[in-house]
Amino acid sequence: MMHMADHVDQVLGPTDDTVSFFQDRGMVYVTALWVLAAAWLPMLLITLLIRMAAGYRPVAADIVVYAEFTLIVPAVLAAVALLIAWRRLGWLHTSVHGLDFAATGRRPVHLPWSGIAAVALHGRGPFTELVITPIAEDYATELAGAGGPPRVRRRGGEYSYIIDVGLMSPGPEVLLAELHRRLPSKV
């Protein structure tokens, strides 16, 4: 006699119905590059202005040095940031069993479809975030893996998971369509 264990994730259905979303490393590098360049250039100009106010007089050769600093420093810093996060970029998998996801640098979480109260996208472009609100905190299971605790937001008694999806491939619109297919009344 065979007994089936009662489990919230136990679903009879196709096992190949998984859709995977992941952060593209190239997109992460390019985005880090332009964000760092946008922060670096004003800092470099302010430093130059402060030095000039203190009596420094730039010469023609300084233009080359500052141009090199402007181009090289953000590229190197973006590469270092990507190498640090190389195996810890965010991802999300949908299957008949629910959602498995991890924000960048965080431990993964599993949430069955029956445990999801609502999902929504917030933000724009590369800074788009997916907010997943479970019915209750105990519906989610933290999976084994490296990284910090999952990103959560608590507002007025509501508990939500936050996943950075702006740079995921396929994009956030495809992710939202997939979630709408699985949870038509909660997206």
N, C-alpha and C. Protein backbone atom coordinates (compact mmCIF):
# COMPACT_ATOMS: atom_id res chain seq x y z
N MET A 1 0.85 -1.17 0.00
CA MET A 1 0.00 0.00 0.00
C MET A 1 0.89 1.24 0.00
N MET A 2 0.63 2.16 -0.92
CA MET A 2 1.47 3.35 -1.06
C MET A 2 0.71 4.57 -0.56
N HIS A 3 1.34 5.36 0.30
CA HIS A 3 0.72 6.58 0.83
C HIS A 3 1.40 7.79 0.22
N MET A 4 0.62 8.75 -0.17
CA MET A 4 1.18 10.02 -0.66
C MET A 4 1.13 11.01 0.48
N ALA A 5 2.24 11.65 0.72
CA ALA A 5 2.30 12.63 1.80
C ALA A 5 1.53 13.88 1.42
N ASP A 6 0.83 14.44 2.37
CA ASP A 6 0.14 15.71 2.13
C ASP A 6 1.18 16.81 2.13
N HIS A 7 1.24 17.49 1.03
CA HIS A 7 2.21 18.58 0.92
C HIS A 7 1.62 19.66 0.03
N VAL A 8 1.81 20.89 0.42
CA VAL A 8 1.27 22.02 -0.32
C VAL A 8 1.80 22.08 -1.74
N ASP A 9 3.05 21.61 -1.98
CA ASP A 9 3.66 21.68 -3.30
C ASP A 9 3.35 20.48 -4.18
N GLN A 10 2.68 19.48 -3.65
CA GLN A 10 2.45 18.27 -4.41
C GLN A 10 1.41 18.55 -5.49
N VAL A 11 1.86 18.50 -6.74
CA VAL A 11 1.01 18.84 -7.87
C VAL A 11 1.16 17.75 -8.92
N LEU A 12 0.05 17.34 -9.48
CA LEU A 12 0.10 16.42 -10.60
C LEU A 12 0.06 17.27 -11.86
N GLY A 13 1.04 17.14 -12.69
CA GLY A 13 1.10 17.95 -13.90
C GLY A 13 2.44 17.77 -14.57
N PRO A 14 2.63 18.48 -15.65
CA PRO A 14 3.89 18.32 -16.39
C PRO A 14 5.08 18.82 -15.59
N THR A 15 6.17 18.08 -15.68
CA THR A 15 7.37 18.48 -14.94
C THR A 15 8.26 19.39 -15.76
N ASP A 16 7.93 19.58 -17.05
CA ASP A 16 8.76 20.42 -17.91
C ASP A 16 8.14 21.79 -18.15
N ASP A 17 7.30 22.24 -17.24
CA ASP A 17 6.60 23.51 -17.39
C ASP A 17 7.34 24.65 -16.69
N THR A 18 8.65 24.53 -16.54
CA THR A 18 9.43 25.55 -15.85
C THR A 18 9.85 26.65 -16.81
N VAL A 19 9.70 27.89 -16.36
CA VAL A 19 10.18 29.05 -17.11
C VAL A 19 11.22 29.72 -16.22
N SER A 20 12.40 29.98 -16.76
CA SER A 20 13.49 30.56 -15.98
C SER A 20 13.79 31.98 -16.42
N PHE A 21 14.02 32.83 -15.45
CA PHE A 21 14.42 34.21 -15.68
C PHE A 21 15.73 34.40 -14.93
N PHE A 22 16.68 35.09 -15.52
CA PHE A 22 17.98 35.29 -14.88
C PHE A 22 18.53 36.65 -15.26
N GLN A 23 19.39 37.18 -14.40
CA GLN A 23 20.04 38.45 -14.70
C GLN A 23 21.18 38.21 -15.68
N ASP A 24 21.12 38.87 -16.80
CA ASP A 24 22.14 38.75 -17.82
C ASP A 24 23.39 39.49 -17.37
N ARG A 25 24.53 38.81 -17.34
CA ARG A 25 25.77 39.41 -16.84
C ARG A 25 26.21 40.61 -17.68
N GLY A 26 26.02 40.55 -18.98
CA GLY A 26 26.38 41.67 -19.84
C GLY A 26 25.56 42.91 -19.51
N MET A 27 24.26 42.71 -19.29
CA MET A 27 23.40 43.85 -18.94
C MET A 27 23.77 44.41 -17.57
N VAL A 28 24.12 43.54 -16.65
CA VAL A 28 24.54 44.00 -15.32
C VAL A 28 25.81 44.83 -15.44
N TYR A 29 26.77 44.36 -16.25
CA TYR A 29 28.03 45.10 -16.42
C TYR A 29 27.78 46.47 -17.05
N VAL A 30 27.02 46.52 -18.12
CA VAL A 30 26.76 47.79 -18.80
C VAL A 30 26.01 48.76 -17.89
N THR A 31 25.04 48.26 -17.15
CA THR A 31 24.29 49.12 -16.23
C THR A 31 25.20 49.63 -15.11
N ALA A 32 26.01 48.74 -14.54
CA ALA A 32 26.95 49.18 -13.50
C ALA A 32 27.92 50.20 -14.07
N LEU A 33 28.34 50.01 -15.31
CA LEU A 33 29.27 50.93 -15.96
C LEU A 33 28.68 52.32 -16.07
N TRP A 34 27.45 52.45 -16.59
CA TRP A 34 26.91 53.80 -16.75
C TRP A 34 26.52 54.43 -15.42
N VAL A 35 26.09 53.64 -14.46
CA VAL A 35 25.78 54.21 -13.14
C VAL A 35 27.07 54.70 -12.46
N LEU A 36 28.12 53.90 -12.52
CA LEU A 36 29.39 54.32 -11.92
C LEU A 36 29.99 55.52 -12.65
N ALA A 37 29.87 55.54 -13.98
CA ALA A 37 30.38 56.68 -14.75
C ALA A 37 29.60 57.95 -14.42
N ALA A 38 28.30 57.82 -14.24
CA ALA A 38 27.47 58.98 -13.89
C ALA A 38 27.83 59.52 -12.51
N ALA A 39 28.27 58.66 -11.61
CA ALA A 39 28.69 59.11 -10.28
C ALA A 39 30.15 59.57 -10.27
N TRP A 40 30.99 58.90 -11.06
CA TRP A 40 32.42 59.19 -11.06
C TRP A 40 32.75 60.53 -11.70
N LEU A 41 32.15 60.85 -12.83
CA LEU A 41 32.47 62.08 -13.55
C LEU A 41 32.24 63.33 -12.70
N PRO A 42 31.09 63.48 -12.03
CA PRO A 42 30.93 64.67 -11.17
C PRO A 42 31.94 64.71 -10.02
N MET A 43 32.28 63.56 -9.45
CA MET A 43 33.27 63.54 -8.37
C MET A 43 34.63 63.98 -8.88
N LEU A 44 34.98 63.54 -10.08
CA LEU A 44 36.25 63.92 -10.68
C LEU A 44 36.27 65.43 -10.96
N LEU A 45 35.18 65.97 -11.47
CA LEU A 45 35.10 67.42 -11.76
C LEU A 45 35.16 68.25 -10.47
N ILE A 46 34.48 67.79 -9.44
CA ILE A 46 34.51 68.50 -8.16
C ILE A 46 35.93 68.49 -7.59
N THR A 47 36.60 67.35 -7.68
CA THR A 47 38.00 67.26 -7.22
C THR A 47 38.88 68.23 -7.98
N LEU A 48 38.70 68.30 -9.29
CA LEU A 48 39.49 69.22 -10.10
C LEU A 48 39.21 70.67 -9.72
N LEU A 49 37.95 71.00 -9.51
CA LEU A 49 37.59 72.37 -9.13
C LEU A 49 38.15 72.74 -7.75
N ILE A 50 38.12 71.81 -6.81
CA ILE A 50 38.69 72.08 -5.48
C ILE A 50 40.19 72.27 -5.58
N ARG A 51 40.86 71.45 -6.38
CA ARG A 51 42.31 71.60 -6.56
C ARG A 51 42.64 72.94 -7.21
N MET A 52 41.82 73.35 -8.18
CA MET A 52 42.04 74.64 -8.85
C MET A 52 41.81 75.80 -7.88
N ALA A 53 40.82 75.66 -6.99
CA ALA A 53 40.56 76.70 -6.00
C ALA A 53 41.72 76.80 -5.00
N ALA A 54 42.44 75.71 -4.82
CA ALA A 54 43.57 75.70 -3.89
C ALA A 54 44.88 76.13 -4.57
N GLY A 55 44.79 76.52 -5.84
CA GLY A 55 45.96 77.04 -6.52
C GLY A 55 46.55 76.16 -7.61
N TYR A 56 46.01 75.00 -7.83
CA TYR A 56 46.52 74.10 -8.87
C TYR A 56 46.11 74.65 -10.24
N ARG A 57 47.03 74.66 -11.18
CA ARG A 57 46.75 75.11 -12.54
C ARG A 57 47.00 73.93 -13.49
N PRO A 58 45.93 73.38 -14.07
CA PRO A 58 46.11 72.24 -14.97
C PRO A 58 46.85 72.63 -16.25
N VAL A 59 47.61 71.68 -16.76
CA VAL A 59 48.32 71.87 -18.02
C VAL A 59 47.67 70.96 -19.06
N ALA A 60 48.09 71.08 -20.31
CA ALA A 60 47.50 70.32 -21.41
C ALA A 60 47.59 68.81 -21.17
N ALA A 61 48.67 68.34 -20.59
CA ALA A 61 48.83 66.90 -20.33
C ALA A 61 47.81 66.38 -19.33
N ASP A 62 47.29 67.26 -18.46
CA ASP A 62 46.29 66.84 -17.48
C ASP A 62 44.97 66.43 -18.13
N ILE A 63 44.68 66.96 -19.30
CA ILE A 63 43.45 66.59 -20.01
C ILE A 63 43.46 65.10 -20.32
N VAL A 64 44.60 64.59 -20.75
CA VAL A 64 44.72 63.17 -21.07
C VAL A 64 44.53 62.33 -19.81
N VAL A 65 45.16 62.75 -18.72
CA VAL A 65 45.06 62.00 -17.47
C VAL A 65 43.61 61.96 -16.99
N TYR A 66 42.92 63.10 -17.01
CA TYR A 66 41.53 63.13 -16.56
C TYR A 66 40.62 62.37 -17.51
N ALA A 67 40.91 62.39 -18.81
CA ALA A 67 40.13 61.59 -19.76
C ALA A 67 40.31 60.10 -19.48
N GLU A 68 41.55 59.70 -19.19
CA GLU A 68 41.80 58.29 -18.85
C GLU A 68 41.08 57.90 -17.57
N PHE A 69 41.15 58.75 -16.55
CA PHE A 69 40.43 58.48 -15.30
C PHE A 69 38.93 58.33 -15.55
N THR A 70 38.39 59.20 -16.40
CA THR A 70 36.96 59.18 -16.69
C THR A 70 36.55 57.88 -17.37
N LEU A 71 37.40 57.35 -18.24
CA LEU A 71 37.06 56.14 -18.99
C LEU A 71 37.43 54.85 -18.26
N ILE A 72 38.56 54.83 -17.60
CA ILE A 72 39.09 53.58 -17.05
C ILE A 72 38.49 53.23 -15.69
N VAL A 73 38.40 54.18 -14.79
CA VAL A 73 37.95 53.87 -13.42
C VAL A 73 36.54 53.25 -13.40
N PRO A 74 35.52 53.82 -14.07
CA PRO A 74 34.20 53.16 -14.05
C PRO A 74 34.22 51.76 -14.68
N ALA A 75 34.99 51.56 -15.73
CA ALA A 75 35.05 50.25 -16.38
C ALA A 75 35.66 49.21 -15.43
N VAL A 76 36.72 49.58 -14.74
CA VAL A 76 37.37 48.65 -13.81
C VAL A 76 36.45 48.37 -12.62
N LEU A 77 35.83 49.41 -12.06
CA LEU A 77 34.95 49.21 -10.91
C LEU A 77 33.74 48.36 -11.29
N ALA A 78 33.18 48.57 -12.48
CA ALA A 78 32.04 47.76 -12.92
C ALA A 78 32.46 46.30 -13.08
N ALA A 79 33.67 46.07 -13.60
CA ALA A 79 34.16 44.70 -13.76
C ALA A 79 34.36 44.03 -12.41
N VAL A 80 34.91 44.76 -11.45
CA VAL A 80 35.11 44.21 -10.11
C VAL A 80 33.76 43.89 -9.46
N ALA A 81 32.79 44.80 -9.60
CA ALA A 81 31.46 44.55 -9.03
C ALA A 81 30.83 43.31 -9.64
N LEU A 82 30.97 43.14 -10.95
CA LEU A 82 30.41 41.97 -11.61
C LEU A 82 31.11 40.69 -11.16
N LEU A 83 32.42 40.73 -11.00
CA LEU A 83 33.15 39.55 -10.53
C LEU A 83 32.73 39.17 -9.12
N ILE A 84 32.49 40.16 -8.28
CA ILE A 84 32.05 39.88 -6.91
C ILE A 84 30.68 39.19 -6.91
N ALA A 85 29.78 39.65 -7.78
CA ALA A 85 28.42 39.11 -7.82
C ALA A 85 28.24 38.02 -8.87
N TRP A 86 29.30 37.54 -9.48
CA TRP A 86 29.26 36.64 -10.63
C TRP A 86 28.29 35.47 -10.46
N ARG A 87 28.38 34.74 -9.39
CA ARG A 87 27.53 33.56 -9.19
C ARG A 87 26.35 33.86 -8.27
N ARG A 88 26.15 35.12 -7.94
CA ARG A 88 25.09 35.46 -6.99
C ARG A 88 24.08 36.44 -7.58
N LEU A 89 23.97 36.51 -8.91
CA LEU A 89 23.00 37.40 -9.53
C LEU A 89 21.60 36.84 -9.33
N GLY A 90 20.61 37.72 -9.38
CA GLY A 90 19.23 37.31 -9.14
C GLY A 90 18.68 36.39 -10.22
N TRP A 91 17.71 35.58 -9.85
CA TRP A 91 17.05 34.66 -10.77
C TRP A 91 15.66 34.34 -10.25
N LEU A 92 14.82 33.77 -11.13
CA LEU A 92 13.47 33.39 -10.75
C LEU A 92 13.05 32.24 -11.66
N HIS A 93 12.44 31.20 -11.09
CA HIS A 93 11.92 30.06 -11.85
C HIS A 93 10.45 29.88 -11.50
N THR A 94 9.62 29.72 -12.51
CA THR A 94 8.22 29.38 -12.29
C THR A 94 8.02 27.94 -12.75
N SER A 95 7.24 27.20 -12.01
CA SER A 95 6.92 25.82 -12.39
C SER A 95 5.55 25.49 -11.82
N VAL A 96 5.10 24.27 -12.06
CA VAL A 96 3.81 23.86 -11.51
C VAL A 96 3.82 23.88 -9.98
N HIS A 97 5.00 23.86 -9.39
CA HIS A 97 5.11 23.83 -7.94
C HIS A 97 5.11 25.20 -7.29
N GLY A 98 5.34 26.25 -8.06
CA GLY A 98 5.36 27.60 -7.51
C GLY A 98 6.53 28.40 -8.02
N LEU A 99 6.92 29.37 -7.24
CA LEU A 99 8.04 30.26 -7.57
C LEU A 99 9.26 29.91 -6.75
N ASP A 100 10.39 29.84 -7.41
CA ASP A 100 11.69 29.77 -6.73
C ASP A 100 12.42 31.02 -7.19
N PHE A 101 12.98 31.78 -6.26
CA PHE A 101 13.62 33.03 -6.64
C PHE A 101 14.71 33.41 -5.65
N ALA A 102 15.60 34.27 -6.11
CA ALA A 102 16.64 34.82 -5.25
C ALA A 102 17.00 36.21 -5.78
N ALA A 103 17.05 37.17 -4.89
CA ALA A 103 17.55 38.50 -5.25
C ALA A 103 19.07 38.42 -5.29
N THR A 104 19.70 39.37 -5.93
CA THR A 104 21.16 39.36 -6.06
C THR A 104 21.82 39.29 -4.69
N GLY A 105 22.69 38.28 -4.53
CA GLY A 105 23.44 38.12 -3.29
C GLY A 105 22.64 37.58 -2.13
N ARG A 106 21.45 37.06 -2.39
CA ARG A 106 20.57 36.57 -1.31
C ARG A 106 20.29 35.09 -1.47
N ARG A 107 19.89 34.46 -0.37
CA ARG A 107 19.52 33.05 -0.40
C ARG A 107 18.20 32.88 -1.15
N PRO A 108 18.03 31.72 -1.82
CA PRO A 108 16.80 31.49 -2.57
C PRO A 108 15.61 31.17 -1.67
N VAL A 109 14.43 31.38 -2.24
CA VAL A 109 13.16 31.16 -1.53
C VAL A 109 12.23 30.38 -2.46
N HIS A 110 11.44 29.50 -1.89
CA HIS A 110 10.38 28.80 -2.64
C HIS A 110 9.05 29.25 -2.06
N LEU A 111 8.11 29.56 -2.95
CA LEU A 111 6.77 29.96 -2.54
C LEU A 111 5.77 29.25 -3.45
N PRO A 112 4.91 28.38 -2.88
CA PRO A 112 3.92 27.70 -3.72
C PRO A 112 2.89 28.69 -4.25
N TRP A 113 2.28 28.37 -5.38
CA TRP A 113 1.29 29.27 -5.97
C TRP A 113 0.15 29.55 -5.00
N SER A 114 -0.24 28.55 -4.22
CA SER A 114 -1.34 28.74 -3.28
C SER A 114 -0.98 29.70 -2.15
N GLY A 115 0.30 29.97 -1.96
CA GLY A 115 0.72 30.86 -0.88
C GLY A 115 0.96 32.30 -1.31
N ILE A 116 0.65 32.63 -2.56
CA ILE A 116 0.88 33.99 -3.06
C ILE A 116 -0.40 34.81 -2.98
N ALA A 117 -0.33 35.94 -2.28
CA ALA A 117 -1.48 36.84 -2.18
C ALA A 117 -1.50 37.82 -3.35
N ALA A 118 -0.32 38.34 -3.73
CA ALA A 118 -0.25 39.33 -4.82
C ALA A 118 1.17 39.45 -5.33
N VAL A 119 1.30 39.85 -6.59
CA VAL A 119 2.60 40.18 -7.18
C VAL A 119 2.44 41.48 -7.96
N ALA A 120 3.50 42.27 -7.99
CA ALA A 120 3.46 43.54 -8.72
C ALA A 120 4.87 43.97 -9.08
N LEU A 121 4.97 44.73 -10.15
CA LEU A 121 6.24 45.33 -10.55
C LEU A 121 6.27 46.77 -10.06
N HIS A 122 7.44 47.19 -9.55
CA HIS A 122 7.64 48.58 -9.13
C HIS A 122 8.93 49.07 -9.73
N GLY A 123 8.97 50.34 -10.09
CA GLY A 123 10.17 50.93 -10.66
C GLY A 123 10.15 50.81 -12.18
N ARG A 124 11.22 51.34 -12.78
CA ARG A 124 11.32 51.33 -14.23
C ARG A 124 12.71 50.94 -14.68
N GLY A 125 12.79 50.49 -15.92
CA GLY A 125 14.07 50.19 -16.53
C GLY A 125 14.87 49.18 -15.73
N PRO A 126 16.18 49.41 -15.62
CA PRO A 126 17.02 48.43 -14.92
C PRO A 126 16.76 48.36 -13.42
N PHE A 127 16.00 49.30 -12.90
CA PHE A 127 15.73 49.32 -11.46
C PHE A 127 14.35 48.76 -11.11
N THR A 128 13.75 48.02 -12.03
CA THR A 128 12.44 47.40 -11.80
C THR A 128 12.57 46.28 -10.77
N GLU A 129 11.64 46.26 -9.84
CA GLU A 129 11.63 45.22 -8.80
C GLU A 129 10.28 44.50 -8.82
N LEU A 130 10.34 43.21 -8.57
CA LEU A 130 9.13 42.41 -8.42
C LEU A 130 8.85 42.28 -6.93
N VAL A 131 7.64 42.63 -6.54
CA VAL A 131 7.23 42.53 -5.13
C VAL A 131 6.23 41.38 -5.03
N ILE A 132 6.60 40.37 -4.26
CA ILE A 132 5.76 39.18 -4.07
C ILE A 132 5.28 39.18 -2.63
N THR A 133 3.97 39.23 -2.47
CA THR A 133 3.38 39.22 -1.13
C THR A 133 2.75 37.85 -0.87
N PRO A 134 3.31 37.10 0.09
CA PRO A 134 2.69 35.81 0.41
C PRO A 134 1.45 36.00 1.28
N ILE A 135 0.62 34.99 1.33
CA ILE A 135 -0.57 35.02 2.17
C ILE A 135 -0.16 35.19 3.63
N ALA A 136 0.91 34.48 4.01
CA ALA A 136 1.48 34.59 5.36
C ALA A 136 2.97 34.25 5.25
N GLU A 137 3.74 34.71 6.22
CA GLU A 137 5.19 34.50 6.21
C GLU A 137 5.57 33.02 6.16
N ASP A 138 4.79 32.17 6.80
CA ASP A 138 5.16 30.77 6.88
C ASP A 138 4.89 29.97 5.61
N TYR A 139 4.32 30.60 4.57
CA TYR A 139 4.12 29.90 3.31
C TYR A 139 5.42 29.74 2.53
N ALA A 140 6.35 30.64 2.73
CA ALA A 140 7.62 30.60 1.99
C ALA A 140 8.62 29.71 2.71
N THR A 141 9.46 29.06 1.91
CA THR A 141 10.52 28.22 2.43
C THR A 141 11.84 28.76 1.94
N GLU A 142 12.72 29.08 2.86
CA GLU A 142 14.06 29.52 2.48
C GLU A 142 14.87 28.29 2.10
N LEU A 143 15.44 28.32 0.89
CA LEU A 143 16.19 27.18 0.38
C LEU A 143 17.66 27.31 0.76
N ALA A 144 18.36 26.21 0.68
CA ALA A 144 19.79 26.21 0.99
C ALA A 144 20.54 26.95 -0.11
N GLY A 145 21.56 27.66 0.28
CA GLY A 145 22.37 28.39 -0.69
C GLY A 145 23.17 29.47 -0.01
N ALA A 146 24.12 30.00 -0.75
CA ALA A 146 24.97 31.06 -0.21
C ALA A 146 24.26 32.40 -0.33
N GLY A 147 24.68 33.33 0.48
CA GLY A 147 24.13 34.69 0.41
C GLY A 147 23.49 35.11 1.70
N GLY A 148 23.05 36.34 1.70
CA GLY A 148 22.37 36.91 2.85
C GLY A 148 20.91 36.48 2.90
N PRO A 149 20.19 36.95 3.89
CA PRO A 149 18.77 36.61 3.98
C PRO A 149 18.00 37.22 2.81
N PRO A 150 16.87 36.65 2.44
CA PRO A 150 16.08 37.19 1.33
C PRO A 150 15.70 38.65 1.59
N ARG A 151 15.57 39.42 0.51
CA ARG A 151 15.14 40.81 0.64
C ARG A 151 13.66 40.84 0.94
N VAL A 152 13.30 41.47 2.05
CA VAL A 152 11.89 41.56 2.43
C VAL A 152 11.56 43.01 2.75
N ARG A 153 10.28 43.30 2.65
CA ARG A 153 9.78 44.63 3.02
C ARG A 153 8.57 44.40 3.92
N ARG A 154 8.56 45.12 5.02
CA ARG A 154 7.42 45.07 5.94
C ARG A 154 6.78 46.45 5.98
N ARG A 155 5.51 46.50 5.62
CA ARG A 155 4.75 47.75 5.66
C ARG A 155 3.37 47.48 6.23
N GLY A 156 3.09 48.12 7.32
CA GLY A 156 1.76 48.00 7.91
C GLY A 156 1.27 46.57 8.09
N GLY A 157 2.11 45.70 8.57
CA GLY A 157 1.72 44.32 8.78
C GLY A 157 1.83 43.45 7.54
N GLU A 158 2.14 44.05 6.39
CA GLU A 158 2.30 43.28 5.15
C GLU A 158 3.76 42.88 4.98
N TYR A 159 3.98 41.66 4.59
CA TYR A 159 5.31 41.08 4.43
C TYR A 159 5.47 40.75 2.96
N SER A 160 6.51 41.29 2.31
CA SER A 160 6.72 41.05 0.88
C SER A 160 8.18 40.75 0.58
N TYR A 161 8.40 39.95 -0.45
CA TYR A 161 9.75 39.68 -0.95
C TYR A 161 10.02 40.61 -2.12
N ILE A 162 11.26 41.08 -2.22
CA ILE A 162 11.66 42.00 -3.29
C ILE A 162 12.75 41.32 -4.12
N ILE A 163 12.54 41.28 -5.43
CA ILE A 163 13.53 40.70 -6.34
C ILE A 163 13.82 41.71 -7.44
N ASP A 164 15.09 41.99 -7.69
CA ASP A 164 15.47 42.91 -8.75
C ASP A 164 15.35 42.20 -10.09
N VAL A 165 14.41 42.64 -10.93
CA VAL A 165 14.12 41.97 -12.20
C VAL A 165 14.35 42.85 -13.42
N GLY A 166 14.78 44.07 -13.23
CA GLY A 166 14.93 45.01 -14.34
C GLY A 166 15.92 44.55 -15.39
N LEU A 167 16.92 43.78 -15.00
CA LEU A 167 17.94 43.31 -15.94
C LEU A 167 17.79 41.83 -16.25
N MET A 168 16.65 41.26 -15.90
CA MET A 168 16.45 39.83 -16.15
C MET A 168 16.14 39.59 -17.62
N SER A 169 16.51 38.39 -18.04
CA SER A 169 16.24 37.97 -19.40
C SER A 169 15.41 36.70 -19.33
N PRO A 170 14.29 36.61 -20.00
CA PRO A 170 13.56 37.67 -20.68
C PRO A 170 13.14 38.76 -19.71
N GLY A 171 12.71 39.88 -20.24
CA GLY A 171 12.46 41.10 -19.47
C GLY A 171 11.29 41.04 -18.50
N PRO A 172 11.13 42.11 -17.73
CA PRO A 172 10.07 42.18 -16.72
C PRO A 172 8.66 42.03 -17.30
N GLU A 173 8.45 42.49 -18.53
CA GLU A 173 7.11 42.37 -19.14
C GLU A 173 6.77 40.90 -19.38
N VAL A 174 7.77 40.12 -19.83
CA VAL A 174 7.56 38.69 -20.05
C VAL A 174 7.33 37.99 -18.71
N LEU A 175 8.06 38.40 -17.70
CA LEU A 175 7.88 37.84 -16.36
C LEU A 175 6.47 38.12 -15.85
N LEU A 176 6.01 39.34 -16.02
CA LEU A 176 4.66 39.69 -15.58
C LEU A 176 3.60 38.88 -16.34
N ALA A 177 3.81 38.68 -17.64
CA ALA A 177 2.88 37.87 -18.43
C ALA A 177 2.86 36.42 -17.93
N GLU A 178 4.04 35.88 -17.60
CA GLU A 178 4.12 34.52 -17.07
C GLU A 178 3.40 34.42 -15.72
N LEU A 179 3.59 35.40 -14.87
CA LEU A 179 2.91 35.38 -13.57
C LEU A 179 1.40 35.55 -13.74
N HIS A 180 1.00 36.35 -14.72
CA HIS A 180 -0.43 36.53 -14.98
C HIS A 180 -1.04 35.21 -15.49
N ARG A 181 -0.27 34.46 -16.28
CA ARG A 181 -0.72 33.15 -16.77
C ARG A 181 -0.94 32.20 -15.59
N ARG A 182 -0.04 32.26 -14.61
CA ARG A 182 -0.13 31.34 -13.46
C ARG A 182 -1.08 31.83 -12.39
N LEU A 183 -1.18 33.15 -12.22
CA LEU A 183 -1.99 33.76 -11.15
C LEU A 183 -2.87 34.86 -11.75
N PRO A 184 -3.84 34.55 -12.57
CA PRO A 184 -4.57 35.61 -13.26
C PRO A 184 -5.28 36.60 -12.34
N SER A 185 -5.67 36.20 -11.18
CA SER A 185 -6.41 37.11 -10.29
C SER A 185 -5.51 37.87 -9.30
N LYS A 186 -4.20 37.58 -9.30
CA LYS A 186 -3.34 38.17 -8.28
C LYS A 186 -2.26 39.09 -8.85
N VAL A 187 -2.24 39.27 -10.17
CA VAL A 187 -1.20 40.10 -10.81
C VAL A 187 -1.80 41.46 -11.08
